[in-house]
C-alpha cells in the first residue's frame, strides 16, 4: 500500500492531474460515494458495479453523476493539504 500511496504523490504532482482527497475527519459530508464512477464528458459516465460496468448515456442520469462529482470535489482537499494526508497515511504504515 505504501507504494500505491507513493504513486499518488507522483501522479498528483503532474501538471495535468488534479488529485483531491476527502479527509476522513470531514465534518460536513452531504454524501458518501456509492459506487466507483468515471465521468468522461457530458455524454458518458461509466459506473463500476460488483458484477458489471454500466455505461450511462442518458442526459438526466449523467446530470446526477455530475452533481455527485461536484459535491465530492467540494469536500476534497488538494495540493499541499492532499500531499500531507498521503504522507501521513504512508507514515502510519511504518
Protein backbone atom coordinates (compact mmCIF):
# COMPACT_ATOMS: atom_id res chain seq x y z
CA UNK A 1 0.00 0.00 0.00
CA UNK A 2 2.90 2.38 0.67
CA UNK A 3 3.96 2.07 -2.97
CA UNK A 4 0.44 2.88 -4.14
CA UNK A 5 0.34 5.94 -1.91
CA UNK A 6 3.77 6.95 -3.21
CA UNK A 7 2.40 6.69 -6.74
CA UNK A 8 -0.40 9.08 -5.77
CA UNK A 9 2.26 11.58 -4.67
CA UNK A 10 3.98 11.23 -8.05
CA UNK A 11 0.79 11.37 -10.11
CA UNK A 12 -0.59 14.26 -8.10
CA UNK A 13 2.46 16.34 -8.97
CA UNK A 14 1.79 16.07 -12.72
CA UNK A 15 0.50 19.31 -14.25
CA UNK A 16 -2.41 17.55 -15.97
CA UNK A 17 -3.63 15.81 -12.79
CA UNK A 18 -5.90 17.23 -10.13
CA UNK A 19 -5.79 14.89 -7.14
CA UNK A 20 -8.34 15.51 -4.43
CA UNK A 21 -8.69 13.58 -1.20
CA UNK A 22 -11.73 13.67 1.04
CA UNK A 23 -10.40 13.75 4.60
CA UNK A 24 -11.83 11.11 6.90
CA UNK A 25 -12.42 13.77 9.54
CA UNK A 26 -14.52 15.96 7.23
CA UNK A 27 -17.39 17.15 9.42
CA UNK A 28 -19.94 18.10 6.80
CA UNK A 29 -20.48 15.25 4.37
CA UNK A 30 -23.60 15.82 2.32
CA UNK A 31 -22.97 12.49 0.63
CA UNK A 32 -20.80 9.38 0.65
CA UNK A 33 -19.54 7.75 -2.55
CA UNK A 34 -21.97 5.00 -3.54
CA UNK A 35 -20.01 3.30 -6.30
CA UNK A 36 -16.96 3.95 -8.44
CA UNK A 37 -17.77 6.10 -11.44
CA UNK A 38 -15.81 7.85 -14.15
CA UNK A 39 -17.10 10.98 -15.84
CA UNK A 40 -15.62 11.12 -19.33
CA UNK A 41 -17.62 14.10 -20.55
CA UNK A 42 -21.19 15.34 -20.63
CA UNK A 43 -22.15 12.38 -22.83
CA UNK A 44 -20.71 9.38 -20.99
CA UNK A 45 -20.34 8.15 -17.43
CA UNK A 46 -19.02 4.67 -16.66
CA UNK A 47 -20.18 3.07 -13.40
CA UNK A 48 -18.37 0.06 -11.91
CA UNK A 49 -20.67 -2.29 -10.05
CA UNK A 50 -19.87 -5.60 -8.39
CA UNK A 51 -20.93 -7.68 -11.40
CA UNK A 52 -20.72 -5.28 -14.33
CA UNK A 53 -19.64 -1.96 -15.75
CA UNK A 54 -22.55 0.22 -16.81
CA UNK A 55 -22.26 2.89 -19.49
CA UNK A 56 -24.59 5.79 -18.66
CA UNK A 57 -25.60 7.93 -21.64
CA UNK A 58 -28.98 9.41 -20.65
CA UNK A 59 -28.54 13.16 -20.09
CA UNK A 60 -30.74 13.17 -16.94
CA UNK A 61 -28.70 10.33 -15.41
CA UNK A 62 -25.38 11.91 -16.39
CA UNK A 63 -26.56 15.09 -14.65
CA UNK A 64 -26.93 13.12 -11.39
CA UNK A 65 -23.33 11.89 -11.63
CA UNK A 66 -22.04 15.35 -12.49
CA UNK A 67 -23.83 16.74 -9.41
CA UNK A 68 -22.41 13.94 -7.23
CA UNK A 69 -18.91 14.59 -8.59
CA UNK A 70 -19.19 18.30 -7.77
CA UNK A 71 -20.33 17.51 -4.22
CA UNK A 72 -17.44 15.08 -3.71
CA UNK A 73 -14.96 17.53 -5.30
CA UNK A 74 -16.12 20.28 -2.95
CA UNK A 75 -15.38 18.07 0.09
CA UNK A 76 -11.86 17.21 -1.10
CA UNK A 77 -8.57 18.90 -0.32
CA UNK A 78 -5.93 19.46 -2.98
CA UNK A 79 -2.28 20.41 -3.37
CA UNK A 80 -0.13 20.55 -0.25
CA UNK A 81 -3.03 19.57 2.01
CA UNK A 82 -3.69 16.41 -0.03
CA UNK A 83 0.02 15.55 -0.10
CA UNK A 84 0.16 15.92 3.68
CA UNK A 85 -2.67 13.41 4.08
CA UNK A 86 -0.91 10.94 1.78
CA UNK A 87 2.39 11.29 3.63
CA UNK A 88 0.61 10.75 6.96
CA UNK A 89 -1.00 7.60 5.56
CA UNK A 90 2.42 6.32 4.43
CA UNK A 91 3.92 7.10 7.85
CA UNK A 92 1.06 5.26 9.57
CA UNK A 93 2.01 2.09 7.66
CA UNK A 94 5.52 2.01 9.15
